[in-house]
Amino acid sequence: MVDISGKTDIARLARAAGEIVLSGETLEKIKTGDVEKGNVLATARVAAVLAIKKTPEIIPMCHQIPITAIDVDFDIGGNDLGCSRGQDCWENRS
């Protein structure tokens, strides 16, 4: 083990992005909220937040750091739905 008790706080920012190509009909249903199963973007936003919170459990040897903010944005383009997310974290020691 390495002694990190003397290190100072460090600001960290992590970003991730993704894109999915969908049919025009599906994108229109998402835009208008006509998807039978509910609000697609709200569900995706909750999934993104959960993924950020569960990162230390998913990635081997990734230690947990406090998350101070999460922002999830969606962009609907021609035939695609884009998502970008960021997390602003503070870690006491690294």
Protein backbone atom coordinates (compact mmCIF):
# COMPACT_ATOMS: atom_id res chain seq x y z
CA MET A 1 0.00 0.00 0.00
CA VAL A 2 1.07 3.55 -0.70
CA ASP A 3 0.60 6.15 2.04
CA ILE A 4 -1.57 8.92 0.55
CA SER A 5 -2.58 10.58 3.81
CA GLY A 6 -0.46 13.67 3.10
CA LYS A 7 -1.98 14.48 -0.28
CA THR A 8 -4.31 17.45 -0.77
CA ASP A 9 -7.79 17.58 -2.33
CA ILE A 10 -7.86 17.35 -6.11
CA ALA A 11 -10.74 18.46 -8.35
CA ARG A 12 -11.63 15.89 -10.98
CA LEU A 13 -14.00 16.00 -13.93
CA ALA A 14 -15.05 12.93 -15.89
CA ARG A 15 -17.03 13.02 -19.13
CA ALA A 16 -18.61 10.33 -21.26
CA ALA A 17 -20.59 10.43 -24.48
CA GLY A 18 -22.52 8.06 -26.68
CA GLU A 19 -24.69 8.00 -29.77
CA ILE A 20 -27.35 5.67 -31.08
CA VAL A 21 -28.80 5.65 -34.60
CA LEU A 22 -32.58 5.21 -34.66
CA SER A 23 -35.32 5.31 -37.26
CA GLY A 24 -36.96 8.66 -37.90
CA GLU A 25 -40.24 7.24 -36.59
CA THR A 26 -38.67 6.23 -33.28
CA LEU A 27 -36.94 9.60 -32.85
CA GLU A 28 -40.21 11.40 -33.52
CA LYS A 29 -41.96 9.32 -30.84
CA ILE A 30 -39.19 10.17 -28.38
CA LYS A 31 -39.45 13.89 -29.22
CA THR A 32 -43.23 13.97 -28.82
CA GLY A 33 -43.37 11.63 -25.81
CA ASP A 34 -45.47 9.03 -27.64
CA VAL A 35 -43.43 5.97 -26.59
CA GLU A 36 -45.79 3.44 -24.97
CA LYS A 37 -43.32 2.44 -22.25
CA GLY A 38 -42.93 6.00 -21.00
CA ASN A 39 -40.44 8.86 -21.12
CA VAL A 40 -37.33 7.45 -22.80
CA LEU A 41 -35.04 10.38 -21.95
CA ALA A 42 -36.04 10.46 -18.28
CA THR A 43 -35.30 6.74 -18.02
CA ALA A 44 -31.96 7.21 -19.80
CA ARG A 45 -31.09 10.07 -17.46
CA VAL A 46 -31.75 7.90 -14.39
CA ALA A 47 -29.66 5.09 -15.93
CA ALA A 48 -26.78 7.52 -16.55
CA VAL A 49 -26.84 8.75 -12.95
CA LEU A 50 -26.93 5.16 -11.69
CA ALA A 51 -23.99 4.23 -13.94
CA ILE A 52 -21.94 7.11 -12.56
CA LYS A 53 -22.72 6.13 -8.97
CA LYS A 54 -21.93 2.44 -9.60
CA THR A 55 -18.63 3.02 -11.46
CA PRO A 56 -16.43 1.83 -8.54
CA GLU A 57 -18.40 -1.44 -8.46
CA ILE A 58 -18.08 -2.03 -12.22
CA ILE A 59 -14.46 -1.07 -12.96
CA PRO A 60 -11.83 -3.22 -11.22
CA MET A 61 -9.51 -1.39 -8.80
CA CYS A 62 -11.48 1.87 -9.15
CA HIS A 63 -11.84 3.50 -5.75
CA GLN A 64 -14.94 5.44 -4.80
CA ILE A 65 -14.77 9.23 -4.76
CA PRO A 66 -17.47 11.67 -3.62
CA ILE A 67 -19.63 12.97 -6.49
CA THR A 68 -20.66 16.60 -6.13
CA ALA A 69 -22.62 17.07 -9.37
CA ILE A 70 -23.99 15.09 -12.30
CA ASP A 71 -25.22 16.59 -15.56
CA VAL A 72 -26.81 14.58 -18.39
CA ASP A 73 -27.71 16.18 -21.74
CA PHE A 74 -29.35 14.72 -24.84
CA ASP A 75 -29.17 15.95 -28.43
CA ILE A 76 -31.56 14.65 -31.06
CA GLY A 77 -30.11 15.03 -34.55
CA GLY A 78 -31.07 13.75 -37.99
CA ASN A 79 -31.28 10.01 -37.28
CA ASP A 80 -29.40 9.86 -34.02
CA LEU A 81 -29.79 10.48 -30.33
CA GLY A 82 -26.64 11.68 -28.60
CA CYS A 83 -25.91 11.72 -24.91
CA SER A 84 -23.13 13.42 -23.02
CA ARG A 85 -22.67 13.33 -19.31
CA GLY A 86 -20.19 14.70 -16.86
CA GLN A 87 -19.51 14.29 -13.22
CA ASP A 88 -17.70 16.78 -11.10
CA CYS A 89 -15.98 14.99 -8.22
CA TRP A 90 -13.81 15.84 -5.27
CA GLU A 91 -11.38 13.36 -3.86
CA ASN A 92 -9.63 13.81 -0.55
CA ARG A 93 -6.57 11.85 -1.65
CA SER A 94 -5.41 10.28 -4.87
